[in-house]
PDB file of N, CA and C in Angstrom:
ATOM      1  N   MET A   1     -16.209  19.836  15.226  1.00  0.00           N
ATOM      2  CA  MET A   1     -16.634  18.620  14.566  1.00  0.00           C
ATOM      3  C   MET A   1     -15.940  17.443  15.251  1.00  0.00           C
ATOM      4  N   THR A   2     -16.699  16.426  15.566  1.00  0.00           N
ATOM      5  CA  THR A   2     -16.110  15.236  16.173  1.00  0.00           C
ATOM      6  C   THR A   2     -15.903  14.164  15.112  1.00  0.00           C
ATOM      7  N   VAL A   3     -14.866  13.386  15.323  1.00  0.00           N
ATOM      8  CA  VAL A   3     -14.518  12.295  14.417  1.00  0.00           C
ATOM      9  C   VAL A   3     -14.716  10.994  15.190  1.00  0.00           C
ATOM     10  N   SER A   4     -15.255   9.974  14.534  1.00  0.00           N
ATOM     11  CA  SER A   4     -15.532   8.719  15.235  1.00  0.00           C
ATOM     12  C   SER A   4     -14.240   8.088  15.755  1.00  0.00           C
ATOM     13  N   LYS A   5     -14.368   7.371  16.858  1.00  0.00           N
ATOM     14  CA  LYS A   5     -13.210   6.724  17.475  1.00  0.00           C
ATOM     15  C   LYS A   5     -12.590   5.710  16.532  1.00  0.00           C
ATOM     16  N   GLN A   6     -13.399   5.005  15.760  1.00  0.00           N
ATOM     17  CA  GLN A   6     -12.876   4.008  14.824  1.00  0.00           C
ATOM     18  C   GLN A   6     -12.026   4.672  13.741  1.00  0.00           C
ATOM     19  N   MET A   7     -12.496   5.793  13.223  1.00  0.00           N
ATOM     20  CA  MET A   7     -11.712   6.509  12.209  1.00  0.00           C
ATOM     21  C   MET A   7     -10.403   7.004  12.805  1.00  0.00           C
ATOM     22  N   MET A   8     -10.478   7.555  14.008  1.00  0.00           N
ATOM     23  CA  MET A   8      -9.276   8.083  14.658  1.00  0.00           C
ATOM     24  C   MET A   8      -8.259   6.988  14.943  1.00  0.00           C
ATOM     25  N   LYS A   9      -8.734   5.813  15.354  1.00  0.00           N
ATOM     26  CA  LYS A   9      -7.826   4.725  15.700  1.00  0.00           C
ATOM     27  C   LYS A   9      -6.935   4.368  14.512  1.00  0.00           C
ATOM     28  N   GLY A  10      -7.519   4.211  13.352  1.00  0.00           N
ATOM     29  CA  GLY A  10      -6.746   3.863  12.174  1.00  0.00           C
ATOM     30  C   GLY A  10      -5.805   4.965  11.737  1.00  0.00           C
ATOM     31  N   LEU A  11      -6.256   6.185  11.816  1.00  0.00           N
ATOM     32  CA  LEU A  11      -5.434   7.315  11.389  1.00  0.00           C
ATOM     33  C   LEU A  11      -4.303   7.608  12.364  1.00  0.00           C
ATOM     34  N   LEU A  12      -4.578   7.458  13.632  1.00  0.00           N
ATOM     35  CA  LEU A  12      -3.592   7.793  14.648  1.00  0.00           C
ATOM     36  C   LEU A  12      -2.344   6.916  14.554  1.00  0.00           C
ATOM     37  N   ASP A  13      -2.521   5.633  14.261  1.00  0.00           N
ATOM     38  CA  ASP A  13      -1.366   4.750  14.108  1.00  0.00           C
ATOM     39  C   ASP A  13      -0.421   5.288  13.032  1.00  0.00           C
ATOM     40  N   GLY A  14      -0.983   5.596  11.873  1.00  0.00           N
ATOM     41  CA  GLY A  14      -0.169   6.111  10.775  1.00  0.00           C
ATOM     42  C   GLY A  14       0.422   7.474  11.060  1.00  0.00           C
ATOM     43  N   ALA A  15      -0.357   8.342  11.690  1.00  0.00           N
ATOM     44  CA  ALA A  15       0.130   9.688  12.011  1.00  0.00           C
ATOM     45  C   ALA A  15       1.302   9.629  12.986  1.00  0.00           C
ATOM     46  N   ILE A  16       1.170   8.789  14.000  1.00  0.00           N
ATOM     47  CA  ILE A  16       2.237   8.685  15.001  1.00  0.00           C
ATOM     48  C   ILE A  16       3.476   8.025  14.401  1.00  0.00           C
ATOM     49  N   LEU A  17       3.286   6.982  13.596  1.00  0.00           N
ATOM     50  CA  LEU A  17       4.443   6.379  12.920  1.00  0.00           C
ATOM     51  C   LEU A  17       5.148   7.417  12.048  1.00  0.00           C
ATOM     52  N   GLY A  18       4.367   8.227  11.348  1.00  0.00           N
ATOM     53  CA  GLY A  18       4.942   9.275  10.504  1.00  0.00           C
ATOM     54  C   GLY A  18       5.764  10.278  11.290  1.00  0.00           C
ATOM     55  N   LEU A  19       5.273  10.664  12.460  1.00  0.00           N
ATOM     56  CA  LEU A  19       6.031  11.597  13.303  1.00  0.00           C
ATOM     57  C   LEU A  19       7.309  10.963  13.836  1.00  0.00           C
ATOM     58  N   ILE A  20       7.217   9.720  14.283  1.00  0.00           N
ATOM     59  CA  ILE A  20       8.397   9.046  14.828  1.00  0.00           C
ATOM     60  C   ILE A  20       9.430   8.829  13.724  1.00  0.00           C
ATOM     61  N   ALA A  21       8.979   8.625  12.493  1.00  0.00           N
ATOM     62  CA  ALA A  21       9.896   8.448  11.369  1.00  0.00           C
ATOM     63  C   ALA A  21      10.731   9.712  11.125  1.00  0.00           C
ATOM     64  N   GLN A  22      10.243  10.856  11.564  1.00  0.00           N
ATOM     65  CA  GLN A  22      10.972  12.115  11.389  1.00  0.00           C
ATOM     66  C   GLN A  22      12.123  12.255  12.376  1.00  0.00           C
ATOM     67  N   GLY A  23      12.157  11.408  13.392  1.00  0.00           N
ATOM     68  CA  GLY A  23      13.235  11.450  14.374  1.00  0.00           C
ATOM     69  C   GLY A  23      12.761  11.006  15.740  1.00  0.00           C
ATOM     70  N   GLU A  24      13.707  10.544  16.539  1.00  0.00           N
ATOM     71  CA  GLU A  24      13.406  10.056  17.887  1.00  0.00           C
ATOM     72  C   GLU A  24      12.619  11.103  18.668  1.00  0.00           C
ATOM     73  N   THR A  25      11.606  10.653  19.387  1.00  0.00           N
ATOM     74  CA  THR A  25      10.734  11.579  20.106  1.00  0.00           C
ATOM     75  C   THR A  25      10.086  10.872  21.286  1.00  0.00           C
ATOM     76  N   TYR A  26       9.422  11.619  22.141  1.00  0.00           N
ATOM     77  CA  TYR A  26       8.740  11.057  23.313  1.00  0.00           C
ATOM     78  C   TYR A  26       7.265  11.438  23.275  1.00  0.00           C
ATOM     79  N   GLY A  27       6.479  10.786  24.120  1.00  0.00           N
ATOM     80  CA  GLY A  27       5.030  10.892  24.084  1.00  0.00           C
ATOM     81  C   GLY A  27       4.474  12.302  24.085  1.00  0.00           C
ATOM     82  N   TYR A  28       4.897  13.130  25.025  1.00  0.00           N
ATOM     83  CA  TYR A  28       4.336  14.478  25.113  1.00  0.00           C
ATOM     84  C   TYR A  28       4.681  15.293  23.871  1.00  0.00           C
ATOM     85  N   GLU A  29       5.892  15.100  23.351  1.00  0.00           N
ATOM     86  CA  GLU A  29       6.310  15.812  22.142  1.00  0.00           C
ATOM     87  C   GLU A  29       5.456  15.372  20.942  1.00  0.00           C
ATOM     88  N   ILE A  30       5.134  14.086  20.865  1.00  0.00           N
ATOM     89  CA  ILE A  30       4.255  13.584  19.806  1.00  0.00           C
ATOM     90  C   ILE A  30       2.894  14.268  19.914  1.00  0.00           C
ATOM     91  N   LEU A  31       2.361  14.328  21.111  1.00  0.00           N
ATOM     92  CA  LEU A  31       1.075  14.980  21.353  1.00  0.00           C
ATOM     93  C   LEU A  31       1.099  16.432  20.879  1.00  0.00           C
ATOM     94  N   GLU A  32       2.143  17.159  21.229  1.00  0.00           N
ATOM     95  CA  GLU A  32       2.266  18.560  20.835  1.00  0.00           C
ATOM     96  C   GLU A  32       2.381  18.716  19.318  1.00  0.00           C
ATOM     97  N   LYS A  33       3.143  17.829  18.674  1.00  0.00           N
ATOM     98  CA  LYS A  33       3.292  17.901  17.219  1.00  0.00           C
ATOM     99  C   LYS A  33       1.968  17.615  16.517  1.00  0.00           C
ATOM    100  N   LEU A  34       1.201  16.657  17.026  1.00  0.00           N
ATOM    101  CA  LEU A  34      -0.110  16.370  16.440  1.00  0.00           C
ATOM    102  C   LEU A  34      -1.028  17.583  16.567  1.00  0.00           C
ATOM    103  N   LYS A  35      -1.006  18.230  17.719  1.00  0.00           N
ATOM    104  CA  LYS A  35      -1.837  19.425  17.923  1.00  0.00           C
ATOM    105  C   LYS A  35      -1.396  20.551  16.995  1.00  0.00           C
ATOM    106  N   GLU A  36      -0.076  20.710  16.801  1.00  0.00           N
ATOM    107  CA  GLU A  36       0.446  21.738  15.897  1.00  0.00           C
ATOM    108  C   GLU A  36      -0.056  21.533  14.473  1.00  0.00           C
ATOM    109  N   LYS A  37      -0.229  20.266  14.092  1.00  0.00           N
ATOM    110  CA  LYS A  37      -0.682  19.937  12.737  1.00  0.00           C
ATOM    111  C   LYS A  37      -2.207  19.900  12.641  1.00  0.00           C
ATOM    112  N   ASP A  38      -2.892  20.376  13.673  1.00  0.00           N
ATOM    113  CA  ASP A  38      -4.360  20.422  13.712  1.00  0.00           C
ATOM    114  C   ASP A  38      -4.993  19.042  13.608  1.00  0.00           C
ATOM    115  N   PHE A  39      -4.319  18.031  14.150  1.00  0.00           N
ATOM    116  CA  PHE A  39      -4.911  16.697  14.191  1.00  0.00           C
ATOM    117  C   PHE A  39      -6.018  16.745  15.223  1.00  0.00           C
ATOM    118  N   PRO A  40      -7.221  16.293  14.878  1.00  0.00           N
ATOM    119  CA  PRO A  40      -8.371  16.513  15.762  1.00  0.00           C
ATOM    120  C   PRO A  40      -8.397  15.632  17.010  1.00  0.00           C
ATOM    121  N   GLU A  41      -8.952  16.191  18.062  1.00  0.00           N
ATOM    122  CA  GLU A  41      -9.331  15.454  19.274  1.00  0.00           C
ATOM    123  C   GLU A  41      -8.242  14.548  19.840  1.00  0.00           C
ATOM    124  N   ILE A  42      -7.095  15.102  20.081  1.00  0.00           N
ATOM    125  CA  ILE A  42      -5.990  14.319  20.624  1.00  0.00           C
ATOM    126  C   ILE A  42      -5.835  14.639  22.105  1.00  0.00           C
ATOM    127  N   SER A  43      -5.682  13.588  22.900  1.00  0.00           N
ATOM    128  CA  SER A  43      -5.435  13.763  24.330  1.00  0.00           C
ATOM    129  C   SER A  43      -4.318  12.825  24.742  1.00  0.00           C
ATOM    130  N   ASP A  44      -3.768  13.081  25.919  1.00  0.00           N
ATOM    131  CA  ASP A  44      -2.711  12.211  26.454  1.00  0.00           C
ATOM    132  C   ASP A  44      -3.151  10.755  26.431  1.00  0.00           C
ATOM    133  N   GLY A  45      -4.379  10.532  26.864  1.00  0.00           N
ATOM    134  CA  GLY A  45      -4.890   9.177  26.983  1.00  0.00           C
ATOM    135  C   GLY A  45      -5.079   8.463  25.659  1.00  0.00           C
ATOM    136  N   SER A  46      -5.061   9.203  24.553  1.00  0.00           N
ATOM    137  CA  SER A  46      -5.282   8.546  23.261  1.00  0.00           C
ATOM    138  C   SER A  46      -3.984   8.109  22.586  1.00  0.00           C
ATOM    139  N   ILE A  47      -2.867   8.753  22.888  1.00  0.00           N
ATOM    140  CA  ILE A  47      -1.647   8.382  22.165  1.00  0.00           C
ATOM    141  C   ILE A  47      -0.855   7.261  22.844  1.00  0.00           C
ATOM    142  N   TYR A  48      -0.912   7.172  24.162  1.00  0.00           N
ATOM    143  CA  TYR A  48      -0.089   6.161  24.837  1.00  0.00           C
ATOM    144  C   TYR A  48      -0.509   4.728  24.528  1.00  0.00           C
ATOM    145  N   PRO A  49      -1.800   4.425  24.422  1.00  0.00           N
ATOM    146  CA  PRO A  49      -2.172   3.072  23.984  1.00  0.00           C
ATOM    147  C   PRO A  49      -1.677   2.765  22.557  1.00  0.00           C
ATOM    148  N   VAL A  50      -1.679   3.779  21.693  1.00  0.00           N
ATOM    149  CA  VAL A  50      -1.177   3.595  20.326  1.00  0.00           C
ATOM    150  C   VAL A  50       0.317   3.314  20.357  1.00  0.00           C
ATOM    151  N   LEU A  51       1.055   4.075  21.160  1.00  0.00           N
ATOM    152  CA  LEU A  51       2.496   3.850  21.270  1.00  0.00           C
ATOM    153  C   LEU A  51       2.801   2.447  21.793  1.00  0.00           C
ATOM    154  N   LEU A  52       2.029   1.996  22.760  1.00  0.00           N
ATOM    155  CA  LEU A  52       2.210   0.645  23.295  1.00  0.00           C
ATOM    156  C   LEU A  52       1.930  -0.400  22.210  1.00  0.00           C
ATOM    157  N   ARG A  53       0.861  -0.211  21.465  1.00  0.00           N
ATOM    158  CA  ARG A  53       0.502  -1.148  20.393  1.00  0.00           C
ATOM    159  C   ARG A  53       1.589  -1.172  19.312  1.00  0.00           C
ATOM    160  N   LEU A  54       2.086   0.002  18.922  1.00  0.00           N
ATOM    161  CA  LEU A  54       3.135   0.070  17.909  1.00  0.00           C
ATOM    162  C   LEU A  54       4.418  -0.612  18.395  1.00  0.00           C
ATOM    163  N   SER A  55       4.688  -0.462  19.673  1.00  0.00           N
ATOM    164  CA  SER A  55       5.860  -1.108  20.264  1.00  0.00           C
ATOM    165  C   SER A  55       5.707  -2.626  20.276  1.00  0.00           C
ATOM    166  N   LYS A  56       4.532  -3.112  20.680  1.00  0.00           N
ATOM    167  CA  LYS A  56       4.278  -4.559  20.724  1.00  0.00           C
ATOM    168  C   LYS A  56       4.364  -5.189  19.339  1.00  0.00           C
ATOM    169  N   LYS A  57       3.969  -4.442  18.315  1.00  0.00           N
ATOM    170  CA  LYS A  57       4.031  -4.947  16.944  1.00  0.00           C
ATOM    171  C   LYS A  57       5.447  -4.870  16.369  1.00  0.00           C
ATOM    172  N   GLY A  58       6.354  -4.221  17.097  1.00  0.00           N
ATOM    173  CA  GLY A  58       7.732  -4.106  16.639  1.00  0.00           C
ATOM    174  C   GLY A  58       7.972  -2.965  15.662  1.00  0.00           C
ATOM    175  N   TYR A  59       7.016  -2.039  15.559  1.00  0.00           N
ATOM    176  CA  TYR A  59       7.142  -0.915  14.633  1.00  0.00           C
ATOM    177  C   TYR A  59       7.983   0.219  15.206  1.00  0.00           C
ATOM    178  N   VAL A  60       8.060   0.286  16.536  1.00  0.00           N
ATOM    179  CA  VAL A  60       8.894   1.291  17.190  1.00  0.00           C
ATOM    180  C   VAL A  60       9.712   0.605  18.287  1.00  0.00           C
ATOM    181  N   SER A  61      10.858   1.186  18.560  1.00  0.00           N
ATOM    182  CA  SER A  61      11.658   0.731  19.695  1.00  0.00           C
ATOM    183  C   SER A  61      11.652   1.850  20.725  1.00  0.00           C
ATOM    184  N   THR A  62      11.905   1.500  21.967  1.00  0.00           N
ATOM    185  CA  THR A  62      11.883   2.493  23.040  1.00  0.00           C
ATOM    186  C   THR A  62      13.200   2.493  23.796  1.00  0.00           C
ATOM    187  N   GLN A  63      13.485   3.642  24.371  1.00  0.00           N
ATOM    188  CA  GLN A  63      14.685   3.788  25.184  1.00  0.00           C
ATOM    189  C   GLN A  63      14.415   4.865  26.238  1.00  0.00           C
ATOM    190  N   MET A  64      14.738   4.552  27.487  1.00  0.00           N
ATOM    191  CA  MET A  64      14.579   5.531  28.563  1.00  0.00           C
ATOM    192  C   MET A  64      15.803   6.442  28.575  1.00  0.00           C
ATOM    193  N   LYS A  65      15.545   7.755  28.619  1.00  0.00           N
ATOM    194  CA  LYS A  65      16.629   8.739  28.635  1.00  0.00           C
ATOM    195  C   LYS A  65      16.313   9.820  29.654  1.00  0.00           C
ATOM    196  N   THR A  66      17.355  10.393  30.200  1.00  0.00           N
ATOM    197  CA  THR A  66      17.204  11.521  31.109  1.00  0.00           C
ATOM    198  C   THR A  66      16.728  12.732  30.329  1.00  0.00           C
ATOM    199  N   SER A  67      15.820  13.474  30.899  1.00  0.00           N
ATOM    200  CA  SER A  67      15.277  14.676  30.282  1.00  0.00           C
ATOM    201  C   SER A  67      16.353  15.748  30.157  1.00  0.00           C
ATOM    202  N   ASP A  68      16.286  16.548  29.090  1.00  0.00           N
ATOM    203  CA  ASP A  68      17.211  17.671  28.897  1.00  0.00           C
ATOM    204  C   ASP A  68      17.051  18.708  30.000  1.00  0.00           C
ATOM    205  N   THR A  69      15.861  18.781  30.579  1.00  0.00           N
ATOM    206  CA  THR A  69      15.569  19.789  31.589  1.00  0.00           C
ATOM    207  C   THR A  69      15.912  19.303  33.002  1.00  0.00           C
ATOM    208  N   GLY A  70      16.435  18.093  33.098  1.00  0.00           N
ATOM    209  CA  GLY A  70      16.788  17.555  34.411  1.00  0.00           C
ATOM    210  C   GLY A  70      15.627  16.912  35.141  1.00  0.00           C
ATOM    211  N   GLY A  71      14.495  16.791  34.483  1.00  0.00           N
ATOM    212  CA  GLY A  71      13.325  16.169  35.092  1.00  0.00           C
ATOM    213  C   GLY A  71      13.448  14.650  35.081  1.00  0.00           C
ATOM    214  N   PRO A  72      12.330  13.969  35.248  1.00  0.00           N
ATOM    215  CA  PRO A  72      12.366  12.503  35.254  1.00  0.00           C
ATOM    216  C   PRO A  72      12.736  11.943  33.876  1.00  0.00           C
ATOM    217  N   LYS A  73      13.128  10.687  33.859  1.00  0.00           N
ATOM    218  CA  LYS A  73      13.469  10.039  32.589  1.00  0.00           C
ATOM    219  C   LYS A  73      12.227   9.963  31.716  1.00  0.00           C
ATOM    220  N   ARG A  74      12.479  10.001  30.407  1.00  0.00           N
ATOM    221  CA  ARG A  74      11.394   9.910  29.433  1.00  0.00           C
ATOM    222  C   ARG A  74      11.617   8.695  28.552  1.00  0.00           C
ATOM    223  N   LYS A  75      10.517   8.140  28.074  1.00  0.00           N
ATOM    224  CA  LYS A  75      10.596   7.031  27.126  1.00  0.00           C
ATOM    225  C   LYS A  75      10.603   7.627  25.723  1.00  0.00           C
ATOM    226  N   TYR A  76      11.725   7.412  25.027  1.00  0.00           N
ATOM    227  CA  TYR A  76      11.870   7.900  23.657  1.00  0.00           C
ATOM    228  C   TYR A  76      11.545   6.782  22.677  1.00  0.00           C
ATOM    229  N   TYR A  77      10.901   7.153  21.581  1.00  0.00           N
ATOM    230  CA  TYR A  77      10.482   6.204  20.558  1.00  0.00           C
ATOM    231  C   TYR A  77      11.244   6.459  19.268  1.00  0.00           C
ATOM    232  N   SER A  78      11.690   5.367  18.640  1.00  0.00           N
ATOM    233  CA  SER A  78      12.342   5.420  17.334  1.00  0.00           C
ATOM    234  C   SER A  78      11.651   4.410  16.439  1.00  0.00           C
ATOM    235  N   ILE A  79      11.599   4.709  15.158  1.00  0.00           N
ATOM    236  CA  ILE A  79      10.954   3.785  14.229  1.00  0.00           C
ATOM    237  C   ILE A  79      11.934   2.669  13.853  1.00  0.00           C
ATOM    238  N   THR A  80      11.409   1.483  13.691  1.00  0.00           N
ATOM    239  CA  THR A  80      12.219   0.327  13.290  1.00  0.00           C
ATOM    240  C   THR A  80      12.073   0.116  11.781  1.00  0.00           C
ATOM    241  N   GLU A  81      12.853  -0.803  11.266  1.00  0.00           N
ATOM    242  CA  GLU A  81      12.741  -1.150   9.843  1.00  0.00           C
ATOM    243  C   GLU A  81      11.320  -1.639   9.532  1.00  0.00           C
ATOM    244  N   SER A  82      10.785  -2.464  10.409  1.00  0.00           N
ATOM    245  CA  SER A  82       9.416  -2.962  10.261  1.00  0.00           C
ATOM    246  C   SER A  82       8.416  -1.808  10.308  1.00  0.00           C
ATOM    247  N   GLY A  83       8.678  -0.826  11.156  1.00  0.00           N
ATOM    248  CA  GLY A  83       7.819   0.349  11.251  1.00  0.00           C
ATOM    249  C   GLY A  83       7.848   1.184   9.978  1.00  0.00           C
ATOM    250  N   LEU A  84       9.029   1.292   9.364  1.00  0.00           N
ATOM    251  CA  LEU A  84       9.143   2.026   8.100  1.00  0.00           C
ATOM    252  C   LEU A  84       8.346   1.325   7.000  1.00  0.00           C
ATOM    253  N   GLU A  85       8.387  -0.003   7.007  1.00  0.00           N
ATOM    254  CA  GLU A  85       7.622  -0.773   6.021  1.00  0.00           C
ATOM    255  C   GLU A  85       6.122  -0.567   6.247  1.00  0.00           C
ATOM    256  N   GLU A  86       5.693  -0.612   7.510  1.00  0.00           N
ATOM    257  CA  GLU A  86       4.279  -0.401   7.829  1.00  0.00           C
ATOM    258  C   GLU A  86       3.841   1.014   7.460  1.00  0.00           C
ATOM    259  N   LEU A  87       4.711   1.994   7.683  1.00  0.00           N
ATOM    260  CA  LEU A  87       4.392   3.380   7.327  1.00  0.00           C
ATOM    261  C   LEU A  87       4.221   3.511   5.809  1.00  0.00           C
ATOM    262  N   ALA A  88       5.053   2.838   5.045  1.00  0.00           N
ATOM    263  CA  ALA A  88       4.928   2.873   3.581  1.00  0.00           C
ATOM    264  C   ALA A  88       3.591   2.272   3.150  1.00  0.00           C
ATOM    265  N   VAL A  89       3.181   1.184   3.781  1.00  0.00           N
ATOM    266  CA  VAL A  89       1.881   0.567   3.481  1.00  0.00           C
ATOM    267  C   VAL A  89       0.755   1.529   3.840  1.00  0.00           C
ATOM    268  N   PHE A  90       0.860   2.159   5.023  1.00  0.00           N
ATOM    269  CA  PHE A  90      -0.160   3.115   5.450  1.00  0.00           C
ATOM    270  C   PHE A  90      -0.273   4.260   4.447  1.00  0.00           C
ATOM    271  N   ARG A  91       0.870   4.802   4.027  1.00  0.00           N
ATOM    272  CA  ARG A  91       0.850   5.928   3.077  1.00  0.00           C
ATOM    273  C   ARG A  91       0.199   5.523   1.761  1.00  0.00           C
ATOM    274  N   ASP A  92       0.506   4.320   1.275  1.00  0.00           N
ATOM    275  CA  ASP A  92      -0.117   3.836   0.034  1.00  0.00           C
ATOM    276  C   ASP A  92      -1.626   3.718   0.194  1.00  0.00           C
ATOM    277  N   LYS A  93      -2.056   3.132   1.308  1.00  0.00           N
ATOM    278  CA  LYS A  93      -3.495   2.977   1.560  1.00  0.00           C
ATOM    279  C   LYS A  93      -4.163   4.335   1.702  1.00  0.00           C
ATOM    280  N   TRP A  94      -3.501   5.251   2.407  1.00  0.00           N
ATOM    281  CA  TRP A  94      -4.060   6.594   2.609  1.00  0.00           C
ATOM    282  C   TRP A  94      -4.216   7.312   1.274  1.00  0.00           C
ATOM    283  N   THR A  95      -3.196   7.239   0.427  1.00  0.00           N
ATOM    284  CA  THR A  95      -3.245   7.892  -0.879  1.00  0.00           C
ATOM    285  C   THR A  95      -4.389   7.326  -1.707  1.00  0.00           C
ATOM    286  N   TYR A  96      -4.519   6.010  -1.703  1.00  0.00           N
ATOM    287  CA  TYR A  96      -5.577   5.335  -2.451  1.00  0.00           C
ATOM    288  C   TYR A  96      -6.959   5.748  -1.938  1.00  0.00           C
ATOM    289  N   LEU A  97      -7.145   5.683  -0.626  1.00  0.00           N
ATOM    290  CA  LEU A  97      -8.427   6.035  -0.023  1.00  0.00           C
ATOM    291  C   LEU A  97      -8.743   7.516  -0.205  1.00  0.00           C
ATOM    292  N   ASN A  98      -7.760   8.362   0.002  1.00  0.00           N
ATOM    293  CA  ASN A  98      -7.944   9.807  -0.108  1.00  0.00           C
ATOM    294  C   ASN A  98      -8.341  10.181  -1.541  1.00  0.00           C
ATOM    295  N   HIS A  99      -7.696   9.549  -2.503  1.00  0.00           N
ATOM    296  CA  HIS A  99      -8.025   9.816  -3.904  1.00  0.00           C
ATOM    297  C   HIS A  99      -9.488   9.458  -4.186  1.00  0.00           C
ATOM    298  N   GLY A 100      -9.893   8.283  -3.733  1.00  0.00           N
ATOM    299  CA  GLY A 100     -11.275   7.856  -3.932  1.00  0.00           C
ATOM    300  C   GLY A 100     -12.273   8.773  -3.247  1.00  0.00           C
ATOM    301  N   MET A 101     -11.975   9.145  -2.004  1.00  0.00           N
ATOM    302  CA  MET A 101     -12.892  10.034  -1.262  1.00  0.00           C
ATOM    303  C   MET A 101     -12.968  11.406  -1.924  1.00  0.00           C
ATOM    304  N   ASN A 102     -11.832  11.934  -2.367  1.00  0.00           N
ATOM    305  CA  ASN A 102     -11.843  13.237  -3.039  1.00  0.00           C
ATOM    306  C   ASN A 102     -12.674  13.177  -4.322  1.00  0.00           C
ATOM    307  N   ASN A 103     -12.519  12.098  -5.076  1.00  0.00           N
ATOM    308  CA  ASN A 103     -13.329  11.946  -6.290  1.00  0.00           C
ATOM    309  C   ASN A 103     -14.806  11.881  -5.955  1.00  0.00           C
ATOM    310  N   LEU A 104     -15.148  11.137  -4.923  1.00  0.00           N
ATOM    311  CA  LEU A 104     -16.539  11.011  -4.501  1.00  0.00           C
ATOM    312  C   LEU A 104     -17.108  12.354  -4.055  1.00  0.00           C
ATOM    313  N   MET A 105     -16.350  13.084  -3.257  1.00  0.00           N
ATOM    314  CA  MET A 105     -16.830  14.373  -2.751  1.00  0.00           C
ATOM    315  C   MET A 105     -16.971  15.375  -3.880  1.00  0.00           C
ATOM    316  N   ARG A 106     -16.066  15.364  -4.840  1.00  0.00           N
ATOM    317  CA  ARG A 106     -16.179  16.272  -5.990  1.00  0.00           C
ATOM    318  C   ARG A 106     -17.418  15.914  -6.810  1.00  0.00           C
ATOM    319  N   SER A 107     -17.714  14.617  -6.921  1.00  0.00           N
ATOM    320  CA  SER A 107     -18.910  14.192  -7.646  1.00  0.00           C
ATOM    321  C   SER A 107     -20.157  14.695  -6.948  1.00  0.00           C
ATOM    322  N   ASP A 108     -20.154  14.637  -5.613  1.00  0.00           N
ATOM    323  CA  ASP A 108     -21.297  15.127  -4.841  1.00  0.00           C
ATOM    324  C   ASP A 108     -21.485  16.638  -5.044  1.00  0.00           C
ATOM    325  N   GLU A 109     -20.365  17.373  -5.055  1.00  0.00           N
ATOM    326  CA  GLU A 109     -20.447  18.834  -5.240  1.00  0.00           C
ATOM    327  C   GLU A 109     -20.969  19.181  -6.625  1.00  0.00           C
ATOM    328  N   ASN A 110     -20.534  18.420  -7.621  1.00  0.00           N
ATOM    329  CA  ASN A 110     -20.981  18.676  -8.992  1.00  0.00           C
ATOM    330  C   ASN A 110     -22.456  18.347  -9.189  1.00  0.00           C
ATOM    331  N   ALA A 111     -22.985  17.410  -8.392  1.00  0.00           N
ATOM    332  CA  ALA A 111     -24.377  17.011  -8.508  1.00  0.00           C
ATOM    333  C   ALA A 111     -25.321  18.072  -7.952  1.00  0.00           C
ATOM    334  N   GLU A 112     -24.803  18.921  -7.073  1.00  0.00           N
ATOM    335  CA  GLU A 112     -25.672  19.925  -6.421  1.00  0.00           C
ATOM    336  C   GLU A 112     -25.998  21.052  -7.305  1.00  0.00           C
TER     337      GLU A 112
END
């Protein structure tokens, strides 16, 4: 099943902020965690623009660090105070929307 790009754009911001709120992380690790949680249709090319946007808005801070494996440096992301506030707003909106959609879908099932 494919999900529209517009729906994914809004959800991805909140999902990535939620992951970064769990602890400092880097792009590839975020990608892997999203896949582990069965988040649909995620690719390398879809998360980096989101990370850049979140950084520009001041929701995450970045720091270059040497890789544990001795490879090239990685850009690590941490959530900021502003990012925590935005995540709280996202969670409230998600809960509100999810509740409404669940009620609507249950109504549709009962009508059948």
